[in-house]
Amino acid sequence: MAYISQVTYENASEEVKKEIEYQEKAHGRITNMKLTLLHSLPAYHALMEWFPLEETIEAFLGERAVNFFCYAISTENDCLLCSTFFQKILKDLDIDFDTFDFTDEERLLIQYGKAIVKDANHVPAELFDEMKKIWNEEQIVAITAFATIMIATNLINKVLQVKLDDYLVPYTRR
């Protein structure tokens, strides 16, 4: 059971109603996580920076690699909501993460995401050596910042026990 309710349109402030309307217009729905975050507009806006950062790293990594990165982080972090969200994306692309033949770059990105979650204080130097062969420092910083927002999203969902969105239920692996 969720610790925090979801904002309802009827009881929302005008500013929150605008955000709900925007999300529904842009995406056809608003997720349970966003409805939870909308209790605090600064928190909502902070985590919504995920999207511009996603565009930044997709420009040099590609959408598929970013989805693999997010899925790896979310599964390593044991976030049911986020891992299921990315499981749906992968399944819709007919990709089985467990058997997929990743590129070397994708494999490195997945290793990096998992390493950050496992122990951010001890990410192996070898990973950075390999990453620097592919990406410049600006790109590595963007990838890392994106990972931290993904982790923050995982934590919000786990700590507050945000309910899995109904449309994601068929994609759960548990």
C-alpha atoms as a PDB file:
ATOM      1  CA  MET A   1       0.000   0.000   0.000  1.00  0.00           C
ATOM      2  CA  ALA A   2       1.307   3.433  -0.923  1.00  0.00           C
ATOM      3  CA  TYR A   3       2.389   5.690   1.920  1.00  0.00           C
ATOM      4  CA  ILE A   4       1.396   8.838   0.031  1.00  0.00           C
ATOM      5  CA  SER A   5      -1.832   9.341  -1.878  1.00  0.00           C
ATOM      6  CA  GLN A   6      -1.985  10.414  -5.472  1.00  0.00           C
ATOM      7  CA  VAL A   7      -3.072  13.944  -6.225  1.00  0.00           C
ATOM      8  CA  THR A   8      -6.546  14.095  -7.726  1.00  0.00           C
ATOM      9  CA  TYR A   9      -7.405  16.591 -10.406  1.00  0.00           C
ATOM     10  CA  GLU A  10     -10.493  17.726  -8.524  1.00  0.00           C
ATOM     11  CA  ASN A  11      -8.523  18.664  -5.400  1.00  0.00           C
ATOM     12  CA  ALA A  12      -5.424  20.020  -7.143  1.00  0.00           C
ATOM     13  CA  SER A  13      -4.256  23.621  -7.288  1.00  0.00           C
ATOM     14  CA  GLU A  14      -4.442  25.375 -10.647  1.00  0.00           C
ATOM     15  CA  GLU A  15      -0.706  24.929 -11.154  1.00  0.00           C
ATOM     16  CA  VAL A  16      -0.909  21.192 -10.466  1.00  0.00           C
ATOM     17  CA  LYS A  17      -3.959  20.883 -12.732  1.00  0.00           C
ATOM     18  CA  LYS A  18      -1.876  22.407 -15.557  1.00  0.00           C
ATOM     19  CA  GLU A  19       0.824  19.776 -15.011  1.00  0.00           C
ATOM     20  CA  ILE A  20      -1.745  16.966 -15.022  1.00  0.00           C
ATOM     21  CA  GLU A  21      -3.309  18.331 -18.214  1.00  0.00           C
ATOM     22  CA  TYR A  22       0.108  18.662 -19.843  1.00  0.00           C
ATOM     23  CA  GLN A  23       1.080  15.068 -18.974  1.00  0.00           C
ATOM     24  CA  GLU A  24      -2.227  13.678 -20.191  1.00  0.00           C
ATOM     25  CA  LYS A  25      -2.015  15.648 -23.434  1.00  0.00           C
ATOM     26  CA  ALA A  26       1.636  14.764 -24.061  1.00  0.00           C
ATOM     27  CA  HIS A  27       1.513  11.101 -23.003  1.00  0.00           C
ATOM     28  CA  GLY A  28      -2.155  10.101 -22.985  1.00  0.00           C
ATOM     29  CA  ARG A  29      -1.986   9.515 -19.222  1.00  0.00           C
ATOM     30  CA  ILE A  30      -0.194  10.586 -16.094  1.00  0.00           C
ATOM     31  CA  THR A  31       1.682   7.988 -14.100  1.00  0.00           C
ATOM     32  CA  ASN A  32       1.118   7.130 -10.468  1.00  0.00           C
ATOM     33  CA  MET A  33       4.631   8.357  -9.656  1.00  0.00           C
ATOM     34  CA  LYS A  34       3.923  11.778 -11.153  1.00  0.00           C
ATOM     35  CA  LEU A  35       0.585  12.000  -9.357  1.00  0.00           C
ATOM     36  CA  THR A  36       2.437  11.274  -6.128  1.00  0.00           C
ATOM     37  CA  LEU A  37       5.229  13.757  -6.832  1.00  0.00           C
ATOM     38  CA  LEU A  38       2.705  16.497  -7.596  1.00  0.00           C
ATOM     39  CA  HIS A  39       2.118  16.874  -3.864  1.00  0.00           C
ATOM     40  CA  SER A  40       5.349  18.900  -4.064  1.00  0.00           C
ATOM     41  CA  LEU A  41       5.869  20.905  -7.241  1.00  0.00           C
ATOM     42  CA  PRO A  42       9.600  21.472  -6.524  1.00  0.00           C
ATOM     43  CA  ALA A  43      10.088  17.698  -6.120  1.00  0.00           C
ATOM     44  CA  TYR A  44       8.088  17.040  -9.274  1.00  0.00           C
ATOM     45  CA  HIS A  45      10.087  19.587 -11.289  1.00  0.00           C
ATOM     46  CA  ALA A  46      13.407  18.280  -9.963  1.00  0.00           C
ATOM     47  CA  LEU A  47      12.688  14.741 -11.100  1.00  0.00           C
ATOM     48  CA  MET A  48      11.160  15.864 -14.386  1.00  0.00           C
ATOM     49  CA  GLU A  49      14.656  17.090 -15.336  1.00  0.00           C
ATOM     50  CA  TRP A  50      15.123  13.421 -16.184  1.00  0.00           C
ATOM     51  CA  PHE A  51      13.529  14.135 -19.576  1.00  0.00           C
ATOM     52  CA  PRO A  52      15.880  16.893 -20.855  1.00  0.00           C
ATOM     53  CA  LEU A  53      18.862  14.891 -19.609  1.00  0.00           C
ATOM     54  CA  GLU A  54      17.493  11.794 -21.350  1.00  0.00           C
ATOM     55  CA  GLU A  55      17.388  13.753 -24.626  1.00  0.00           C
ATOM     56  CA  THR A  56      20.984  14.861 -24.068  1.00  0.00           C
ATOM     57  CA  ILE A  57      22.367  11.358 -23.620  1.00  0.00           C
ATOM     58  CA  GLU A  58      20.120   9.817 -26.280  1.00  0.00           C
ATOM     59  CA  ALA A  59      21.783  12.155 -28.772  1.00  0.00           C
ATOM     60  CA  PHE A  60      25.065  10.250 -28.421  1.00  0.00           C
ATOM     61  CA  LEU A  61      23.995   6.895 -26.942  1.00  0.00           C
ATOM     62  CA  GLY A  62      20.769   6.208 -28.814  1.00  0.00           C
ATOM     63  CA  GLU A  63      17.352   5.450 -27.366  1.00  0.00           C
ATOM     64  CA  ARG A  64      17.872   1.699 -27.098  1.00  0.00           C
ATOM     65  CA  ALA A  65      21.069   2.054 -25.056  1.00  0.00           C
ATOM     66  CA  VAL A  66      19.381   4.540 -22.720  1.00  0.00           C
ATOM     67  CA  ASN A  67      16.499   2.123 -22.169  1.00  0.00           C
ATOM     68  CA  PHE A  68      18.991  -0.666 -21.368  1.00  0.00           C
ATOM     69  CA  PHE A  69      20.799   1.666 -18.964  1.00  0.00           C
ATOM     70  CA  CYS A  70      17.571   2.593 -17.157  1.00  0.00           C
ATOM     71  CA  TYR A  71      16.415  -1.004 -16.976  1.00  0.00           C
ATOM     72  CA  ALA A  72      19.774  -2.154 -15.587  1.00  0.00           C
ATOM     73  CA  ILE A  73      19.744   0.576 -12.936  1.00  0.00           C
ATOM     74  CA  SER A  74      16.129  -0.089 -11.985  1.00  0.00           C
ATOM     75  CA  THR A  75      16.509  -3.859 -11.727  1.00  0.00           C
ATOM     76  CA  GLU A  76      19.783  -3.558  -9.793  1.00  0.00           C
ATOM     77  CA  ASN A  77      17.995  -1.111  -7.487  1.00  0.00           C
ATOM     78  CA  ASP A  78      15.048  -3.520  -7.190  1.00  0.00           C
ATOM     79  CA  CYS A  79      12.486  -0.890  -8.145  1.00  0.00           C
ATOM     80  CA  LEU A  80       9.385  -2.756  -9.269  1.00  0.00           C
ATOM     81  CA  LEU A  81       7.716   0.270 -10.832  1.00  0.00           C
ATOM     82  CA  CYS A  82      10.688   1.517 -12.869  1.00  0.00           C
ATOM     83  CA  SER A  83      11.986  -1.910 -13.865  1.00  0.00           C
ATOM     84  CA  THR A  84       8.500  -2.867 -15.035  1.00  0.00           C
ATOM     85  CA  PHE A  85       8.165   0.404 -16.964  1.00  0.00           C
ATOM     86  CA  PHE A  86      11.386  -0.372 -18.856  1.00  0.00           C
ATOM     87  CA  GLN A  87      10.483  -4.057 -19.165  1.00  0.00           C
ATOM     88  CA  LYS A  88       7.364  -2.906 -21.037  1.00  0.00           C
ATOM     89  CA  ILE A  89       9.449  -0.742 -23.364  1.00  0.00           C
ATOM     90  CA  LEU A  90      11.827  -3.621 -24.087  1.00  0.00           C
ATOM     91  CA  LYS A  91       9.007  -6.133 -24.547  1.00  0.00           C
ATOM     92  CA  ASP A  92       7.231  -3.735 -26.925  1.00  0.00           C
ATOM     93  CA  LEU A  93      10.506  -3.677 -28.916  1.00  0.00           C
ATOM     94  CA  ASP A  94      10.591  -7.502 -28.777  1.00  0.00           C
ATOM     95  CA  ILE A  95      13.821  -7.441 -26.760  1.00  0.00           C
ATOM     96  CA  ASP A  96      14.574  -9.981 -24.025  1.00  0.00           C
ATOM     97  CA  PHE A  97      17.152  -8.244 -21.826  1.00  0.00           C
ATOM     98  CA  ASP A  98      18.422 -11.560 -20.429  1.00  0.00           C
ATOM     99  CA  THR A  99      19.302 -13.018 -23.834  1.00  0.00           C
ATOM    100  CA  PHE A 100      19.925  -9.924 -25.961  1.00  0.00           C
ATOM    101  CA  ASP A 101      23.270  -9.574 -27.765  1.00  0.00           C
ATOM    102  CA  PHE A 102      24.323  -6.102 -26.596  1.00  0.00           C
ATOM    103  CA  THR A 103      26.894  -3.981 -28.363  1.00  0.00           C
ATOM    104  CA  ASP A 104      30.143  -3.381 -26.468  1.00  0.00           C
ATOM    105  CA  GLU A 105      28.992   0.184 -25.743  1.00  0.00           C
ATOM    106  CA  GLU A 106      25.625  -1.027 -24.388  1.00  0.00           C
ATOM    107  CA  ARG A 107      27.338  -3.662 -22.246  1.00  0.00           C
ATOM    108  CA  LEU A 108      29.667  -1.006 -20.789  1.00  0.00           C
ATOM    109  CA  LEU A 109      26.748   1.309 -20.058  1.00  0.00           C
ATOM    110  CA  ILE A 110      24.861  -1.518 -18.321  1.00  0.00           C
ATOM    111  CA  GLN A 111      27.935  -2.383 -16.229  1.00  0.00           C
ATOM    112  CA  TYR A 112      28.314   1.273 -15.268  1.00  0.00           C
ATOM    113  CA  GLY A 113      24.666   1.631 -14.230  1.00  0.00           C
ATOM    114  CA  LYS A 114      24.808  -1.518 -12.102  1.00  0.00           C
ATOM    115  CA  ALA A 115      28.127  -0.466 -10.535  1.00  0.00           C
ATOM    116  CA  ILE A 116      26.722   2.914  -9.506  1.00  0.00           C
ATOM    117  CA  VAL A 117      23.776   1.242  -7.778  1.00  0.00           C
ATOM    118  CA  LYS A 118      25.918  -1.457  -6.128  1.00  0.00           C
ATOM    119  CA  ASP A 119      28.450   0.898  -4.579  1.00  0.00           C
ATOM    120  CA  ALA A 120      28.732   4.457  -5.825  1.00  0.00           C
ATOM    121  CA  ASN A 121      31.829   4.948  -3.672  1.00  0.00           C
ATOM    122  CA  HIS A 122      33.720   2.185  -5.442  1.00  0.00           C
ATOM    123  CA  VAL A 123      32.890   2.253  -9.152  1.00  0.00           C
ATOM    124  CA  PRO A 124      35.849   0.417 -10.716  1.00  0.00           C
ATOM    125  CA  ALA A 125      38.473   2.667 -12.282  1.00  0.00           C
ATOM    126  CA  GLU A 126      38.620   0.213 -15.196  1.00  0.00           C
ATOM    127  CA  LEU A 127      35.056   1.161 -16.103  1.00  0.00           C
ATOM    128  CA  PHE A 128      36.060   4.801 -16.373  1.00  0.00           C
ATOM    129  CA  ASP A 129      39.106   3.851 -18.444  1.00  0.00           C
ATOM    130  CA  GLU A 130      36.838   2.001 -20.885  1.00  0.00           C
ATOM    131  CA  MET A 131      34.233   4.763 -20.909  1.00  0.00           C
ATOM    132  CA  LYS A 132      36.863   7.393 -21.713  1.00  0.00           C
ATOM    133  CA  LYS A 133      37.731   5.442 -24.866  1.00  0.00           C
ATOM    134  CA  ILE A 134      34.190   6.023 -26.116  1.00  0.00           C
ATOM    135  CA  TRP A 135      32.823   9.151 -24.450  1.00  0.00           C
ATOM    136  CA  ASN A 136      34.317  12.486 -23.477  1.00  0.00           C
ATOM    137  CA  GLU A 137      34.153  13.911 -19.965  1.00  0.00           C
ATOM    138  CA  GLU A 138      31.075  16.026 -20.679  1.00  0.00           C
ATOM    139  CA  GLN A 139      29.247  12.923 -21.885  1.00  0.00           C
ATOM    140  CA  ILE A 140      30.355  10.841 -18.884  1.00  0.00           C
ATOM    141  CA  VAL A 141      29.109  13.554 -16.530  1.00  0.00           C
ATOM    142  CA  ALA A 142      25.748  13.664 -18.368  1.00  0.00           C
ATOM    143  CA  ILE A 143      25.454   9.852 -18.228  1.00  0.00           C
ATOM    144  CA  THR A 144      26.273   9.886 -14.518  1.00  0.00           C
ATOM    145  CA  ALA A 145      23.840  12.694 -13.717  1.00  0.00           C
ATOM    146  CA  PHE A 146      21.138  10.866 -15.640  1.00  0.00           C
ATOM    147  CA  ALA A 147      21.864   7.696 -13.652  1.00  0.00           C
ATOM    148  CA  THR A 148      21.468   9.608 -10.392  1.00  0.00           C
ATOM    149  CA  ILE A 149      18.068  10.943 -11.427  1.00  0.00           C
ATOM    150  CA  MET A 150      17.052   7.411 -12.433  1.00  0.00           C
ATOM    151  CA  ILE A 151      18.153   6.198  -9.004  1.00  0.00           C
ATOM    152  CA  ALA A 152      16.254   9.048  -7.325  1.00  0.00           C
ATOM    153  CA  THR A 153      13.154   8.015  -9.256  1.00  0.00           C
ATOM    154  CA  ASN A 154      13.677   4.419  -8.109  1.00  0.00           C
ATOM    155  CA  LEU A 155      13.987   5.575  -4.514  1.00  0.00           C
ATOM    156  CA  ILE A 156      10.866   7.760  -4.612  1.00  0.00           C
ATOM    157  CA  ASN A 157       8.861   4.800  -5.887  1.00  0.00           C
ATOM    158  CA  LYS A 158      10.333   2.358  -3.383  1.00  0.00           C
ATOM    159  CA  VAL A 159      10.324   4.554  -0.279  1.00  0.00           C
ATOM    160  CA  LEU A 160       6.825   5.915  -0.837  1.00  0.00           C
ATOM    161  CA  GLN A 161       5.641   2.542  -2.183  1.00  0.00           C
ATOM    162  CA  VAL A 162       4.060   4.128  -5.232  1.00  0.00           C
ATOM    163  CA  LYS A 163       1.487   1.748  -6.680  1.00  0.00           C
ATOM    164  CA  LEU A 164       2.349   0.052  -9.970  1.00  0.00           C
ATOM    165  CA  ASP A 165       0.352   1.625 -12.796  1.00  0.00           C
ATOM    166  CA  ASP A 166      -2.405  -0.686 -14.031  1.00  0.00           C
ATOM    167  CA  TYR A 167      -1.112  -0.688 -17.613  1.00  0.00           C
ATOM    168  CA  LEU A 168       2.237  -2.084 -16.360  1.00  0.00           C
ATOM    169  CA  VAL A 169       0.840  -5.073 -14.446  1.00  0.00           C
ATOM    170  CA  PRO A 170       1.043  -7.482 -17.439  1.00  0.00           C
ATOM    171  CA  TYR A 171       4.767  -6.707 -17.762  1.00  0.00           C
ATOM    172  CA  THR A 172       5.847  -7.586 -14.241  1.00  0.00           C
ATOM    173  CA  ARG A 173       8.527 -10.223 -13.910  1.00  0.00           C
ATOM    174  CA  ARG A 174       7.656 -11.119 -10.319  1.00  0.00           C
END
